[in-house]
Amino acid sequence: QVQLVESGGGLVQPGGSLTLSCAASGTRFFSARAMGWYRQAPGKDREFVATITSGGSTDYADSVKGRFTISRDNAKNVVYLQMNSLKPEDTAVYYCKMIVTGSWGQGTQVTVSS
């Protein structure tokens, strides 16, 4: 059973930065799995943020392009989301997902506010 645990969320001022981490366990195939980050703001549906393939190809939502960077460390079974130039509208619970298995983490709260 794959387990995903997110960390790194918190309160940050507009224009600030945060790096989220998602640690995977219970799988020998992390390096072969595409991983994604999604977010859900209060009262809204969960939405796509970014994905990274096993080969390192990335894709981003238009709303975060140029500000967020997804990366992975296959030796550590961790996927990261570096978030820069944060805006209040980035406030949400951020979730990571192992795409092929559909496994989700429990989420980590990011709040952007002055």
N, C-alpha and C. Protein backbone atom coordinates (compact mmCIF):
# COMPACT_ATOMS: atom_id res chain seq x y z
N GLN A 1 0.85 -1.18 0.00
CA GLN A 1 0.00 0.00 0.00
C GLN A 1 0.89 1.25 0.00
N VAL A 2 0.72 2.06 -1.02
CA VAL A 2 1.51 3.27 -1.12
C VAL A 2 1.03 4.28 -0.09
N GLN A 3 1.97 4.90 0.60
CA GLN A 3 1.64 6.00 1.50
C GLN A 3 2.40 7.24 1.06
N LEU A 4 1.69 8.37 1.03
CA LEU A 4 2.28 9.65 0.66
C LEU A 4 2.07 10.63 1.81
N VAL A 5 3.14 11.28 2.22
CA VAL A 5 3.06 12.22 3.34
C VAL A 5 3.65 13.56 2.92
N GLU A 6 2.78 14.58 2.90
CA GLU A 6 3.22 15.92 2.55
C GLU A 6 3.69 16.67 3.78
N SER A 7 4.60 17.60 3.56
CA SER A 7 5.07 18.47 4.63
C SER A 7 5.57 19.78 4.02
N GLY A 8 5.80 20.77 4.88
CA GLY A 8 6.38 22.03 4.43
C GLY A 8 5.40 23.18 4.30
N GLY A 9 4.12 22.93 4.53
CA GLY A 9 3.16 24.01 4.45
C GLY A 9 3.31 24.98 5.60
N GLY A 10 2.56 26.09 5.51
CA GLY A 10 2.60 27.07 6.57
C GLY A 10 2.03 28.39 6.14
N LEU A 11 2.28 29.41 6.95
CA LEU A 11 1.81 30.77 6.69
C LEU A 11 2.98 31.57 6.11
N VAL A 12 2.73 32.25 5.01
CA VAL A 12 3.77 33.04 4.36
C VAL A 12 3.15 34.32 3.83
N GLN A 13 3.95 35.37 3.80
CA GLN A 13 3.46 36.65 3.28
C GLN A 13 3.44 36.65 1.76
N PRO A 14 2.58 37.46 1.18
CA PRO A 14 2.59 37.57 -0.30
C PRO A 14 3.99 37.92 -0.80
N GLY A 15 4.38 37.26 -1.89
CA GLY A 15 5.71 37.43 -2.43
C GLY A 15 6.74 36.48 -1.86
N GLY A 16 6.36 35.76 -0.84
CA GLY A 16 7.28 34.83 -0.19
C GLY A 16 7.38 33.49 -0.89
N SER A 17 8.15 32.59 -0.28
CA SER A 17 8.40 31.28 -0.86
C SER A 17 8.19 30.17 0.16
N LEU A 18 7.84 29.02 -0.34
CA LEU A 18 7.75 27.79 0.45
C LEU A 18 8.16 26.63 -0.43
N THR A 19 8.69 25.59 0.22
CA THR A 19 8.95 24.35 -0.50
C THR A 19 8.20 23.22 0.18
N LEU A 20 7.34 22.57 -0.57
CA LEU A 20 6.60 21.42 -0.08
C LEU A 20 7.34 20.14 -0.45
N SER A 21 7.21 19.15 0.43
CA SER A 21 7.79 17.83 0.17
C SER A 21 6.71 16.78 0.27
N CYS A 22 6.86 15.72 -0.49
CA CYS A 22 5.95 14.57 -0.44
C CYS A 22 6.81 13.32 -0.43
N ALA A 23 6.79 12.62 0.69
CA ALA A 23 7.59 11.40 0.85
C ALA A 23 6.72 10.18 0.60
N ALA A 24 7.21 9.30 -0.26
CA ALA A 24 6.47 8.09 -0.62
C ALA A 24 7.09 6.88 0.07
N SER A 25 6.23 5.98 0.53
CA SER A 25 6.68 4.71 1.10
C SER A 25 5.74 3.61 0.66
N GLY A 26 6.17 2.37 0.85
CA GLY A 26 5.33 1.23 0.50
C GLY A 26 5.36 0.88 -0.98
N THR A 27 6.36 1.37 -1.69
CA THR A 27 6.49 1.04 -3.10
C THR A 27 7.96 0.93 -3.47
N ARG A 28 8.26 0.00 -4.37
CA ARG A 28 9.62 -0.14 -4.91
C ARG A 28 9.74 0.56 -6.26
N PHE A 29 8.63 1.17 -6.69
CA PHE A 29 8.58 1.67 -8.06
C PHE A 29 8.44 3.19 -8.14
N PHE A 30 8.81 3.90 -7.06
CA PHE A 30 8.63 5.34 -7.06
C PHE A 30 9.27 5.99 -8.27
N SER A 31 10.49 5.58 -8.61
CA SER A 31 11.21 6.24 -9.70
C SER A 31 10.52 6.06 -11.05
N ALA A 32 9.66 5.05 -11.15
CA ALA A 32 8.96 4.78 -12.41
C ALA A 32 7.58 5.42 -12.47
N ARG A 33 7.21 6.12 -11.42
CA ARG A 33 5.84 6.66 -11.32
C ARG A 33 5.82 8.17 -11.53
N ALA A 34 4.88 8.61 -12.36
CA ALA A 34 4.62 10.04 -12.46
C ALA A 34 3.97 10.51 -11.16
N MET A 35 4.35 11.70 -10.73
CA MET A 35 3.82 12.27 -9.49
C MET A 35 3.23 13.65 -9.77
N GLY A 36 2.24 14.03 -8.98
CA GLY A 36 1.60 15.31 -9.20
C GLY A 36 1.32 16.04 -7.90
N TRP A 37 1.18 17.34 -8.03
CA TRP A 37 0.70 18.20 -6.95
C TRP A 37 -0.63 18.81 -7.37
N TYR A 38 -1.57 18.82 -6.43
CA TYR A 38 -2.89 19.39 -6.64
C TYR A 38 -3.20 20.27 -5.43
N ARG A 39 -4.20 21.12 -5.55
CA ARG A 39 -4.57 21.96 -4.41
C ARG A 39 -6.08 22.16 -4.38
N GLN A 40 -6.57 22.44 -3.18
CA GLN A 40 -8.00 22.68 -3.00
C GLN A 40 -8.18 23.85 -2.05
N ALA A 41 -8.74 24.92 -2.58
CA ALA A 41 -9.05 26.09 -1.78
C ALA A 41 -10.44 25.93 -1.16
N PRO A 42 -10.72 26.64 -0.07
CA PRO A 42 -12.03 26.52 0.57
C PRO A 42 -13.17 26.81 -0.41
N GLY A 43 -14.14 25.91 -0.45
CA GLY A 43 -15.30 26.10 -1.30
C GLY A 43 -15.08 25.83 -2.77
N LYS A 44 -13.88 25.34 -3.12
CA LYS A 44 -13.57 25.09 -4.52
C LYS A 44 -13.20 23.62 -4.74
N ASP A 45 -13.25 23.21 -6.00
CA ASP A 45 -12.84 21.86 -6.35
C ASP A 45 -11.32 21.73 -6.30
N ARG A 46 -10.85 20.51 -6.11
CA ARG A 46 -9.41 20.25 -6.17
C ARG A 46 -8.94 20.49 -7.60
N GLU A 47 -7.80 21.15 -7.74
CA GLU A 47 -7.31 21.48 -9.08
C GLU A 47 -5.86 21.07 -9.26
N PHE A 48 -5.51 20.81 -10.50
CA PHE A 48 -4.16 20.44 -10.89
C PHE A 48 -3.20 21.61 -10.69
N VAL A 49 -2.01 21.30 -10.19
CA VAL A 49 -0.96 22.30 -10.04
C VAL A 49 0.23 21.96 -10.94
N ALA A 50 0.78 20.74 -10.77
CA ALA A 50 1.97 20.37 -11.52
C ALA A 50 2.14 18.86 -11.52
N THR A 51 2.79 18.35 -12.56
CA THR A 51 3.15 16.94 -12.60
C THR A 51 4.59 16.79 -13.06
N ILE A 52 5.18 15.66 -12.71
CA ILE A 52 6.51 15.30 -13.17
C ILE A 52 6.50 13.82 -13.51
N THR A 53 7.01 13.49 -14.68
CA THR A 53 7.05 12.09 -15.12
C THR A 53 8.25 11.38 -14.53
N SER A 54 8.32 10.08 -14.78
CA SER A 54 9.48 9.32 -14.31
C SER A 54 10.76 9.81 -14.98
N GLY A 55 10.63 10.35 -16.18
CA GLY A 55 11.79 10.85 -16.90
C GLY A 55 12.15 12.29 -16.58
N GLY A 56 11.33 12.92 -15.75
CA GLY A 56 11.62 14.29 -15.34
C GLY A 56 10.92 15.37 -16.13
N SER A 57 10.06 14.98 -17.08
CA SER A 57 9.29 15.99 -17.81
C SER A 57 8.24 16.59 -16.88
N THR A 58 8.02 17.89 -17.02
CA THR A 58 7.11 18.59 -16.12
C THR A 58 5.99 19.30 -16.87
N ASP A 59 4.92 19.54 -16.16
CA ASP A 59 3.79 20.29 -16.69
C ASP A 59 3.20 21.10 -15.54
N TYR A 60 2.68 22.28 -15.87
CA TYR A 60 2.18 23.19 -14.85
C TYR A 60 0.85 23.79 -15.25
N ALA A 61 0.04 24.09 -14.25
CA ALA A 61 -1.14 24.90 -14.48
C ALA A 61 -0.69 26.30 -14.88
N ASP A 62 -1.48 26.94 -15.72
CA ASP A 62 -1.12 28.28 -16.18
C ASP A 62 -0.97 29.25 -15.02
N SER A 63 -1.76 29.05 -13.97
CA SER A 63 -1.76 29.97 -12.84
C SER A 63 -0.46 29.94 -12.04
N VAL A 64 0.35 28.90 -12.21
CA VAL A 64 1.58 28.79 -11.42
C VAL A 64 2.84 28.76 -12.28
N LYS A 65 2.69 28.75 -13.58
CA LYS A 65 3.86 28.71 -14.47
C LYS A 65 4.78 29.90 -14.20
N GLY A 66 6.07 29.59 -14.13
CA GLY A 66 7.06 30.63 -13.87
C GLY A 66 7.25 30.95 -12.41
N ARG A 67 6.37 30.44 -11.55
CA ARG A 67 6.48 30.69 -10.10
C ARG A 67 6.77 29.41 -9.32
N PHE A 68 6.20 28.29 -9.75
CA PHE A 68 6.35 27.01 -9.05
C PHE A 68 7.25 26.09 -9.86
N THR A 69 7.99 25.24 -9.15
CA THR A 69 8.84 24.24 -9.79
C THR A 69 8.66 22.90 -9.09
N ILE A 70 8.31 21.88 -9.86
CA ILE A 70 8.20 20.53 -9.32
C ILE A 70 9.49 19.78 -9.64
N SER A 71 9.95 18.98 -8.68
CA SER A 71 11.15 18.19 -8.88
C SER A 71 11.04 16.92 -8.05
N ARG A 72 11.97 16.00 -8.27
CA ARG A 72 11.92 14.74 -7.54
C ARG A 72 13.32 14.25 -7.23
N ASP A 73 13.42 13.50 -6.14
CA ASP A 73 14.67 12.85 -5.74
C ASP A 73 14.33 11.37 -5.61
N ASN A 74 14.65 10.60 -6.64
CA ASN A 74 14.28 9.19 -6.64
C ASN A 74 15.06 8.37 -5.61
N ALA A 75 16.22 8.84 -5.23
CA ALA A 75 17.00 8.13 -4.21
C ALA A 75 16.33 8.22 -2.85
N LYS A 76 15.56 9.31 -2.65
CA LYS A 76 14.89 9.52 -1.37
C LYS A 76 13.39 9.26 -1.43
N ASN A 77 12.88 8.93 -2.63
CA ASN A 77 11.43 8.74 -2.81
C ASN A 77 10.65 9.99 -2.41
N VAL A 78 11.12 11.14 -2.84
CA VAL A 78 10.49 12.40 -2.48
C VAL A 78 10.25 13.24 -3.73
N VAL A 79 9.09 13.89 -3.76
CA VAL A 79 8.79 14.87 -4.79
C VAL A 79 8.60 16.22 -4.10
N TYR A 80 9.09 17.28 -4.72
CA TYR A 80 9.07 18.62 -4.13
C TYR A 80 8.22 19.57 -4.97
N LEU A 81 7.75 20.62 -4.34
CA LEU A 81 7.11 21.72 -5.04
C LEU A 81 7.70 23.01 -4.46
N GLN A 82 8.57 23.64 -5.22
CA GLN A 82 9.14 24.93 -4.84
C GLN A 82 8.19 26.02 -5.30
N MET A 83 7.71 26.83 -4.37
CA MET A 83 6.72 27.85 -4.68
C MET A 83 7.31 29.22 -4.38
N ASN A 84 7.43 30.05 -5.40
CA ASN A 84 7.96 31.40 -5.26
C ASN A 84 6.89 32.42 -5.62
N SER A 85 7.14 33.66 -5.24
CA SER A 85 6.21 34.76 -5.56
C SER A 85 4.77 34.40 -5.22
N LEU A 86 4.59 33.89 -4.03
CA LEU A 86 3.27 33.41 -3.63
C LEU A 86 2.26 34.54 -3.54
N LYS A 87 1.02 34.21 -3.90
CA LYS A 87 -0.08 35.16 -3.91
C LYS A 87 -1.17 34.67 -2.96
N PRO A 88 -2.02 35.56 -2.48
CA PRO A 88 -3.13 35.10 -1.61
C PRO A 88 -3.98 34.03 -2.27
N GLU A 89 -4.14 34.10 -3.58
CA GLU A 89 -4.96 33.10 -4.27
C GLU A 89 -4.30 31.73 -4.34
N ASP A 90 -3.05 31.61 -3.89
CA ASP A 90 -2.40 30.30 -3.79
C ASP A 90 -2.78 29.59 -2.49
N THR A 91 -3.50 30.27 -1.62
CA THR A 91 -3.92 29.66 -0.36
C THR A 91 -4.81 28.45 -0.62
N ALA A 92 -4.42 27.31 -0.08
CA ALA A 92 -5.14 26.06 -0.31
C ALA A 92 -4.48 24.95 0.49
N VAL A 93 -5.15 23.81 0.54
CA VAL A 93 -4.51 22.59 0.99
C VAL A 93 -3.87 21.94 -0.24
N TYR A 94 -2.60 21.64 -0.14
CA TYR A 94 -1.85 21.06 -1.24
C TYR A 94 -1.68 19.55 -1.02
N TYR A 95 -1.99 18.79 -2.07
CA TYR A 95 -1.93 17.34 -2.01
C TYR A 95 -0.97 16.81 -3.07
N CYS A 96 -0.25 15.74 -2.74
CA CYS A 96 0.49 15.06 -3.79
C CYS A 96 -0.23 13.76 -4.16
N LYS A 97 0.02 13.32 -5.35
CA LYS A 97 -0.66 12.16 -5.90
C LYS A 97 0.31 11.32 -6.71
N MET A 98 0.24 10.01 -6.52
CA MET A 98 0.94 9.08 -7.41
C MET A 98 -0.04 8.75 -8.52
N ILE A 99 0.25 9.24 -9.72
CA ILE A 99 -0.74 9.29 -10.78
C ILE A 99 -1.30 7.91 -11.12
N VAL A 100 -0.46 6.93 -11.35
CA VAL A 100 -0.93 5.66 -11.89
C VAL A 100 -1.72 4.87 -10.87
N THR A 101 -1.40 5.01 -9.58
CA THR A 101 -2.12 4.26 -8.56
C THR A 101 -3.31 5.04 -8.01
N GLY A 102 -3.32 6.34 -8.23
CA GLY A 102 -4.39 7.17 -7.68
C GLY A 102 -4.27 7.43 -6.20
N SER A 103 -3.10 7.16 -5.63
CA SER A 103 -2.90 7.35 -4.20
C SER A 103 -2.69 8.84 -3.90
N TRP A 104 -3.31 9.30 -2.81
CA TRP A 104 -3.21 10.69 -2.37
C TRP A 104 -2.57 10.76 -0.99
N GLY A 105 -1.90 11.87 -0.73
CA GLY A 105 -1.47 12.17 0.61
C GLY A 105 -2.60 12.84 1.39
N GLN A 106 -2.29 13.19 2.63
CA GLN A 106 -3.31 13.79 3.49
C GLN A 106 -3.42 15.30 3.32
N GLY A 107 -2.44 15.90 2.65
CA GLY A 107 -2.47 17.32 2.38
C GLY A 107 -1.70 18.14 3.39
N THR A 108 -1.25 19.32 2.95
CA THR A 108 -0.58 20.28 3.82
C THR A 108 -1.11 21.67 3.49
N GLN A 109 -1.42 22.43 4.53
CA GLN A 109 -2.05 23.74 4.36
C GLN A 109 -1.01 24.80 4.01
N VAL A 110 -1.31 25.57 2.99
CA VAL A 110 -0.51 26.74 2.63
C VAL A 110 -1.41 27.96 2.71
N THR A 111 -1.01 28.93 3.50
CA THR A 111 -1.77 30.16 3.65
C THR A 111 -0.88 31.34 3.30
N VAL A 112 -1.33 32.13 2.35
CA VAL A 112 -0.57 33.31 1.91
C VAL A 112 -1.35 34.54 2.35
N SER A 113 -0.80 35.24 3.32
CA SER A 113 -1.52 36.38 3.89
C SER A 113 -0.55 37.30 4.59
N SER A 114 -0.88 38.59 4.57
CA SER A 114 -0.07 39.56 5.29
C SER A 114 -0.65 39.79 6.68
